[in-house]
Protein backbone atom coordinates (compact mmCIF):
# COMPACT_ATOMS: atom_id res chain seq x y z
CA MET A 1 125.45 60.31 96.33
CA GLU A 2 129.11 60.70 95.47
CA ILE A 3 129.72 63.77 93.36
CA ALA A 4 132.68 66.02 92.85
CA PHE A 5 132.42 69.39 94.57
CA ASN A 6 132.58 71.95 91.71
CA SER A 7 131.26 75.52 92.10
CA SER A 8 127.63 75.97 91.30
CA ILE A 9 127.46 79.65 91.43
CA GLU A 10 126.89 80.34 87.61
CA THR A 11 124.41 77.46 87.34
CA LEU A 12 122.38 78.71 90.44
CA ASP A 13 122.10 82.14 88.91
CA LYS A 14 120.50 80.57 85.93
CA GLU A 15 118.26 78.40 88.00
CA LEU A 16 117.00 81.12 90.27
CA ALA A 17 116.37 83.26 87.23
CA TRP A 18 114.17 80.39 85.96
CA LEU A 19 112.42 80.24 89.28
CA ASN A 20 111.73 83.96 89.19
CA SER A 21 110.22 83.68 85.69
CA VAL A 22 108.02 80.72 86.85
CA ILE A 23 106.72 82.80 89.72
CA SER A 24 106.17 85.80 87.37
CA TYR A 25 104.26 83.35 85.04
CA ARG A 26 102.16 82.11 87.95
CA PHE A 27 101.24 85.64 89.14
CA ALA A 28 100.31 86.83 85.69
CA GLU A 29 98.05 83.78 85.15
CA TYR A 30 96.47 84.23 88.68
CA PHE A 31 95.80 87.87 88.40
CA LYS A 32 94.61 87.52 84.77
CA HIS A 33 97.23 89.68 83.17
CA PRO A 34 96.79 89.89 79.52
CA GLU A 35 100.49 89.39 78.63
CA GLN A 36 100.26 85.56 79.30
CA THR A 37 103.28 83.65 78.05
CA PRO A 38 104.11 79.86 77.81
CA PHE A 39 105.31 78.11 81.00
CA PRO A 40 109.10 79.03 81.28
CA GLU A 41 111.48 76.25 80.21
CA ALA A 42 114.08 75.01 82.55
CA PRO A 43 117.78 75.68 81.73
CA ASN A 44 119.59 72.75 80.14
CA LEU A 45 122.10 71.17 82.66
CA GLU A 46 123.27 68.36 80.25
CA ASP A 47 126.79 69.56 79.89
CA ASP A 48 126.94 71.52 83.09
CA GLN A 49 129.88 70.29 85.39
CA SER A 50 128.76 71.98 88.59
CA TYR A 51 127.85 70.11 91.75
CA TYR A 52 124.24 71.36 91.46
CA ALA A 53 123.89 70.10 87.85
CA ALA A 54 125.54 66.72 88.56
CA ALA A 55 123.27 66.25 91.66
CA ILE A 56 120.18 66.95 89.54
CA ARG A 57 121.27 64.53 86.87
CA ASN A 58 122.23 61.99 89.50
CA LEU A 59 118.87 62.28 91.23
CA ASN A 60 117.05 61.78 87.92
CA ILE A 61 114.09 64.03 88.89
CA THR A 62 111.44 65.91 86.99
CA ASP A 63 111.40 69.72 86.54
CA THR A 64 108.70 69.78 89.25
CA SER A 65 111.06 68.29 91.80
CA ARG A 66 113.83 70.59 90.66
CA LEU A 67 111.51 73.62 91.21
CA LEU A 68 110.85 72.36 94.69
CA ILE A 69 114.52 72.37 95.41
CA LEU A 70 114.85 75.80 94.11
CA ILE A 71 111.92 77.13 96.16
CA ALA A 72 113.50 75.68 99.28
CA LEU A 73 116.96 77.05 98.28
CA ALA A 74 115.84 80.57 97.44
CA PRO A 75 115.40 82.00 101.01
CA HIS A 76 119.15 81.19 101.59
CA LEU A 77 120.39 82.37 98.24
CA ARG A 78 118.10 85.10 96.95
CA PRO A 79 115.23 85.84 99.47
CA ALA A 80 113.81 88.80 97.58
CA ILE A 81 112.51 86.51 94.87
CA PHE A 82 109.60 85.88 97.24
CA ASP A 83 108.82 89.61 98.10
CA MET A 84 105.87 89.65 95.67
CA PHE A 85 104.09 87.12 97.96
CA PHE A 86 103.62 89.73 100.58
CA THR A 87 100.85 91.16 98.19
CA LYS A 88 97.64 91.58 100.19
CA ASN A 89 94.13 90.35 99.21
CA GLU A 90 92.44 93.88 99.28
CA GLN A 91 89.06 92.37 99.66
CA PHE A 92 89.83 90.84 103.02
CA ASP A 93 92.84 92.88 104.08
CA ARG A 94 95.08 89.89 104.52
CA VAL A 95 97.65 87.84 102.54
CA PHE A 96 96.34 85.38 99.84
CA ALA A 97 95.71 82.03 101.38
CA GLU A 98 96.83 80.47 98.20
CA PHE A 99 100.39 81.80 98.65
CA GLY A 100 100.94 79.96 101.93
CA GLY A 101 104.23 81.09 103.49
CA LEU A 102 105.44 81.74 107.00
CA LYS A 103 107.17 84.71 108.78
CA GLY A 104 110.42 83.57 110.43
CA GLU A 105 111.41 84.40 113.99
CA LYS A 106 114.51 86.22 112.85
CA HIS A 107 114.25 86.06 109.06
CA SER A 108 112.25 89.06 107.87
CA GLY A 109 111.66 87.65 104.51
CA PHE A 110 108.98 85.22 103.14
CA VAL A 111 109.57 81.62 104.21
CA PRO A 112 107.99 79.21 101.52
CA THR A 113 105.73 76.45 102.65
CA GLY A 114 104.40 73.47 100.71
CA GLU A 115 101.35 75.57 99.88
CA THR A 116 103.71 78.18 98.31
CA ALA A 117 105.18 75.39 96.17
CA ALA A 118 101.83 74.12 95.23
CA PHE A 119 100.78 77.63 94.06
CA ILE A 120 103.98 78.11 92.02
CA ILE A 121 104.05 74.65 90.42
CA ALA A 122 100.21 73.68 90.19
CA GLY A 123 98.36 76.88 90.29
CA ASP A 124 94.63 75.80 90.73
CA ASN A 125 95.17 72.51 88.96
CA LEU A 126 94.15 69.72 91.37
CA GLU A 127 95.70 66.94 89.35
CA ARG A 128 99.18 68.63 89.41
CA ARG A 129 98.65 69.43 93.14
CA PHE A 130 97.97 65.69 93.85
CA GLU A 131 101.05 64.77 91.80
CA LEU A 132 103.11 67.26 93.62
CA GLN A 133 102.21 65.63 96.91
CA ARG A 134 104.22 62.44 95.87
CA SER A 135 107.36 64.59 96.10
CA PHE A 136 106.84 64.61 99.89
CA ASP A 137 106.51 60.87 100.25
CA GLU A 138 109.15 59.05 102.28
CA SER A 139 109.80 56.86 99.13
CA HIS A 140 110.53 59.85 96.98
CA VAL A 141 114.29 60.29 96.15
CA LEU A 142 114.34 64.01 97.52
CA TYR A 143 113.47 62.43 100.88
CA ARG A 144 115.67 59.25 100.57
CA GLU A 145 118.64 61.37 99.77
CA ASN A 146 118.02 63.96 102.51
CA ILE A 147 117.63 66.81 100.01
CA LEU A 148 114.36 68.20 100.89
CA SER A 149 111.58 67.84 103.49
CA LEU A 150 108.26 69.39 104.66
CA GLY A 151 108.08 70.71 108.08
CA PHE A 152 105.60 69.39 110.64
CA THR A 153 102.20 70.81 111.17
CA ASN A 154 99.48 70.24 113.66
CA ALA A 155 97.16 67.25 113.26
CA TYR A 156 94.28 69.52 112.36
CA GLU A 157 96.11 71.58 109.84
CA PRO A 158 96.90 70.81 106.07
CA MET A 159 100.32 69.08 105.43
CA TRP A 160 100.98 72.03 102.98
CA GLY A 161 101.32 74.40 105.80
CA GLY A 162 104.72 73.02 106.70
CA GLU A 163 107.87 74.97 105.67
CA LEU A 164 109.88 73.74 102.88
CA ILE A 165 113.36 72.66 104.35
CA ILE A 166 116.48 72.28 102.25
CA SER A 167 118.81 69.91 104.12
CA GLN A 168 121.91 71.61 105.65
CA GLU A 169 124.02 68.83 103.95
CA PHE A 170 122.89 69.84 100.57
CA LEU A 171 123.18 73.42 101.18
CA THR A 172 126.74 72.98 102.52
CA HIS A 173 127.66 71.06 99.29
CA LEU A 174 126.31 73.88 97.12
CA THR A 175 127.63 76.94 98.95
CA LEU A 176 130.92 75.74 100.42
CA ASN A 177 132.06 72.88 98.10
CA GLU A 178 132.97 70.66 100.76
CA PRO A 179 131.61 67.53 102.64
CA TYR A 180 128.98 68.07 105.37
CA ASN A 181 130.13 67.55 108.93
CA PRO A 182 127.03 68.57 111.03
CA ARG A 183 127.67 70.41 114.27
CA PHE A 184 125.63 69.97 117.41
CA SER A 185 122.36 71.77 117.21
CA PRO A 186 118.72 71.40 117.96
CA ASN A 187 118.29 69.95 114.59
CA PHE A 188 121.25 67.57 115.05
CA PRO A 189 121.55 66.43 118.79
CA ALA A 190 124.86 64.64 118.46
CA HIS A 191 128.60 65.38 118.87
CA HIS A 192 131.31 64.15 116.63
CA LEU A 193 133.32 61.57 118.64
CA VAL A 194 137.01 61.39 117.92
CA THR A 195 140.01 59.91 119.59
CA LYS A 196 143.90 60.30 119.34
CA LEU A 197 144.29 56.65 120.47
CA GLU A 198 145.05 53.67 118.36
CA TRP A 199 144.09 50.05 118.72
CA GLY A 200 147.52 49.27 120.19
CA ASP A 201 146.63 51.66 123.09
CA ALA A 202 143.59 49.59 124.03
CA ILE A 203 143.92 46.39 126.08
CA TYR A 204 140.94 44.06 125.84
CA ASP A 205 139.86 40.73 127.36
CA ALA A 206 140.10 38.10 124.76
CA SER A 207 136.37 37.50 124.55
CA VAL A 208 135.72 41.37 124.04
CA LEU A 209 138.31 41.39 121.31
CA THR A 210 136.70 38.57 119.54
CA GLU A 211 133.38 40.37 119.53
CA ILE A 212 134.85 43.66 118.28
CA GLU A 213 136.41 41.77 115.31
CA HIS A 214 132.91 40.71 114.39
CA ILE A 215 131.87 44.40 114.00
CA ARG A 216 135.07 45.19 112.15
CA SER A 217 134.39 42.20 109.74
CA TRP A 218 130.82 43.60 109.19
CA ILE A 219 132.06 47.10 108.38
CA LEU A 220 134.70 45.68 106.02
CA HIS A 221 132.45 43.16 104.17
CA GLN A 222 128.85 44.43 104.51
CA ASP A 223 128.51 45.52 100.77
CA ALA A 224 129.64 41.97 99.66
CA ILE A 225 127.30 40.26 102.22
CA LEU A 226 124.29 42.31 101.22
CA LYS A 227 124.88 41.76 97.50
CA ASP A 228 125.03 37.92 98.05
CA GLN A 229 121.56 36.71 97.03
CA ASN A 230 121.74 33.76 99.42
CA LEU A 231 122.56 35.88 102.46
CA SER A 232 120.79 39.23 101.72
CA LYS A 233 117.35 37.74 101.93
CA TYR A 234 117.92 36.81 105.59
CA LEU A 235 119.65 40.01 106.64
CA LYS A 236 118.76 43.61 107.14
CA SER A 237 121.17 46.43 106.30
CA GLY A 238 122.90 47.94 109.19
CA TYR A 239 124.60 46.50 112.43
CA ARG A 240 123.27 46.91 115.86
CA VAL A 241 125.50 46.40 118.95
CA LEU A 242 125.12 46.75 122.72
CA PHE A 243 128.17 47.67 124.79
CA TYR A 244 127.42 47.20 128.57
CA GLY A 245 129.58 47.32 131.65
CA PRO A 246 130.82 49.53 134.43
CA PRO A 247 131.90 53.15 133.49
CA GLY A 248 135.39 53.71 132.40
CA THR A 249 135.92 50.30 130.79
CA GLY A 250 136.34 51.50 127.22
CA LYS A 251 132.96 51.64 125.61
CA SER A 252 133.15 55.14 124.27
CA MET A 253 136.75 54.70 123.23
CA THR A 254 135.96 51.54 121.24
CA ALA A 255 133.20 53.25 119.44
CA ALA A 256 135.60 56.07 118.46
CA LEU A 257 138.28 53.53 117.32
CA LEU A 258 135.78 51.64 115.20
CA GLY A 259 135.27 54.86 113.30
CA LYS A 260 138.76 56.01 113.14
CA SER A 261 140.16 52.65 111.96
CA HIS A 262 137.62 52.28 109.08
CA GLY A 263 137.33 56.00 108.11
CA LEU A 264 133.92 56.41 109.46
CA ASP A 265 132.41 59.43 111.27
CA VAL A 266 131.20 58.47 114.81
CA TYR A 267 128.49 60.64 116.35
CA ARG A 268 127.57 60.40 120.06
CA VAL A 269 123.92 61.13 120.58
CA ASP A 270 123.13 63.70 123.19
CA LEU A 271 120.06 62.03 124.87
CA SER A 272 119.33 65.00 127.00
CA SER A 273 118.65 67.00 123.93
CA VAL A 274 116.60 64.16 122.41
CA VAL A 275 114.23 63.17 125.16
CA SER A 276 111.33 65.75 125.75
CA LYS A 277 108.52 65.76 128.22
CA PHE A 278 106.13 66.99 125.55
CA ILE A 279 104.26 64.45 123.69
CA GLY A 280 105.70 63.68 120.18
CA GLU A 281 108.72 65.83 120.58
CA THR A 282 111.08 62.85 121.28
CA GLU A 283 110.02 61.17 118.11
CA LYS A 284 110.58 64.40 116.18
CA ASN A 285 114.06 64.85 117.58
CA LEU A 286 114.88 61.24 116.73
CA ALA A 287 113.38 61.70 113.15
CA LYS A 288 115.71 64.68 112.58
CA LEU A 289 118.76 62.66 113.62
CA PHE A 290 118.07 59.52 111.67
CA ASP A 291 117.15 61.40 108.51
CA ILE A 292 120.31 63.36 108.41
CA ALA A 293 122.33 60.11 109.10
CA GLU A 294 120.55 57.99 106.62
CA ASN A 295 122.86 56.76 103.90
CA LYS A 296 125.98 58.44 105.30
CA ASN A 297 127.60 55.17 106.75
CA TRP A 298 128.07 56.97 110.05
CA ILE A 299 128.27 55.10 113.37
CA LEU A 300 125.62 56.38 115.70
CA PHE A 301 126.65 55.92 119.38
CA PHE A 302 123.94 56.15 122.14
CA ASP A 303 125.81 56.50 125.40
CA GLU A 304 123.98 55.97 128.69
CA ALA A 305 121.20 54.46 126.51
CA ASP A 306 118.97 53.57 129.60
CA ALA A 307 117.27 57.00 129.19
CA LEU A 308 115.74 55.99 125.84
CA PHE A 309 116.02 52.04 125.52
CA SER A 310 114.74 51.17 128.99
CA LYS A 311 112.17 48.36 129.36
CA ARG A 312 108.64 49.13 128.45
CA VAL A 313 106.04 48.95 131.23
CA SER A 314 102.42 47.96 131.23
CA SER A 315 100.29 50.92 130.16
CA GLN A 316 98.85 51.99 133.31
CA SER A 317 98.82 55.76 132.60
CA SER A 318 98.87 58.14 129.71
CA ASN A 319 102.63 58.89 130.49
CA ASP A 320 103.46 55.08 130.29
CA MET A 321 101.62 54.78 127.01
CA PHE A 322 103.55 57.58 125.36
CA ALA A 323 106.83 56.32 126.88
CA ASN A 324 106.00 52.97 125.22
CA GLN A 325 105.23 54.63 121.92
CA GLN A 326 108.68 56.39 122.02
CA VAL A 327 110.48 53.02 122.53
CA ALA A 328 108.36 51.38 119.63
CA TYR A 329 109.29 54.32 117.35
CA LEU A 330 112.97 54.14 118.21
CA LEU A 331 113.10 50.37 117.68
CA GLN A 332 111.64 50.89 114.20
CA ARG A 333 114.21 53.59 113.30
CA ILE A 334 117.22 51.65 114.61
CA GLU A 335 116.16 48.47 112.83
CA ASP A 336 115.79 50.60 109.48
CA TYR A 337 119.12 52.46 109.74
CA ASN A 338 121.60 51.21 107.28
CA GLY A 339 124.77 52.10 109.32
CA VAL A 340 126.25 50.84 112.55
CA VAL A 341 124.24 51.66 115.81
CA ILE A 342 125.99 51.34 119.13
CA LEU A 343 124.21 51.44 122.49
CA ALA A 344 126.16 51.79 125.65
CA SER A 345 124.66 50.94 129.08
CA ASN A 346 126.08 50.25 132.49
CA PHE A 347 123.56 47.38 132.89
CA LYS A 348 122.33 45.08 130.33
CA ASP A 349 119.12 44.32 132.22
CA ASN A 350 118.01 47.91 131.92
CA ILE A 351 117.51 47.63 128.06
CA ASP A 352 114.23 46.56 126.75
CA ASP A 353 114.09 43.09 125.36
CA ALA A 354 112.79 44.02 122.05
CA PHE A 355 116.19 45.84 121.40
CA LEU A 356 118.22 43.02 122.83
CA ARG A 357 116.53 40.54 120.34
CA ARG A 358 117.78 42.75 117.53
CA PHE A 359 121.31 43.17 118.34
CA GLN A 360 123.82 41.26 116.21
CA SER A 361 126.39 41.66 119.09
CA ILE A 362 126.10 42.08 122.87
CA ILE A 363 129.49 42.70 124.39
CA LEU A 364 130.29 42.94 128.23
CA PHE A 365 133.18 45.34 128.94
CA PRO A 366 134.24 43.97 132.29
CA LYS A 367 136.31 45.84 134.90
CA PRO A 368 140.02 45.11 133.94
CA THR A 369 141.76 42.29 136.08
CA ALA A 370 144.98 43.05 137.78
CA ASN A 371 146.85 41.25 134.94
CA ILE A 372 145.23 43.43 132.27
CA ARG A 373 145.86 46.62 134.25
CA GLN A 374 149.54 45.63 134.44
CA GLU A 375 149.65 45.23 130.69
């Protein structure tokens, strides 16, 4: 979503005022106040040149989805909007279940959940509630463009209990008017990989250089290839590569040079922050990474990939079964990723065969010969 970074302050003031009036409308309806008014009309963004307005037009979303974005944004921009949700149900001396919401660990305000959004947007109208649920589907534009997501809940709890999460990328665009370059964090377990070197500083074996050129050709011509009707039906988007060979043979440097020479960001995935001993946590960590990276044209570099991509074993125990599930999930996410994925390992034989079958390139980085070292 390529949009100019123009200030959104005035526009967001109007949008948050609209959200506030919608909340007031819903409370008046819920508590049967006599001064009921029509549902508040959304501000007109047609001629608005701000980043926010341009993004809304580009997404081509309904007012319902627009309200969802504002509900997720409000705790970051104007948290007092939700103070009225602390109202208690006097009959039961507890908060109203319909309001949803969470209390943050450090944030003292009200954190809206899917249930909060359902109350604000749908009230007690089940048809509108069911319609709202589509906004959290993976096929919905808010998910595809990494604008908004719903936090995870336990299997026995309603999905609406998850917190509404605005992406850090979208929030950065709105508040700082600049591109998003994520920093390493629990929500993004990867480091930006850069190099001061150039291709002329690297000496490769001729066979390695040929394989690297295949990757560079894909990066340069992928759009044309995928638009070709005769080719696209046989190809998936994205490019998957295995670099293998002894330590110190240039695998990380090559990944960084590929990004530098083509103007692409390269992120080295910290597998120690991804792999978890707790069931399901590894998949959650991977989901965060791939969801953020989707559609960015980033190169994802999995160094020492054996920790995640090792061969599956016969399911003799529950631990083996869950390890195999992790590999299967990762296989699916890598296959669906539309950018370049590079795995690096010291030994090719350590990598699961299912991954090897899906690599477009498998490149051995050998120890340099005496002649190459002299060069």
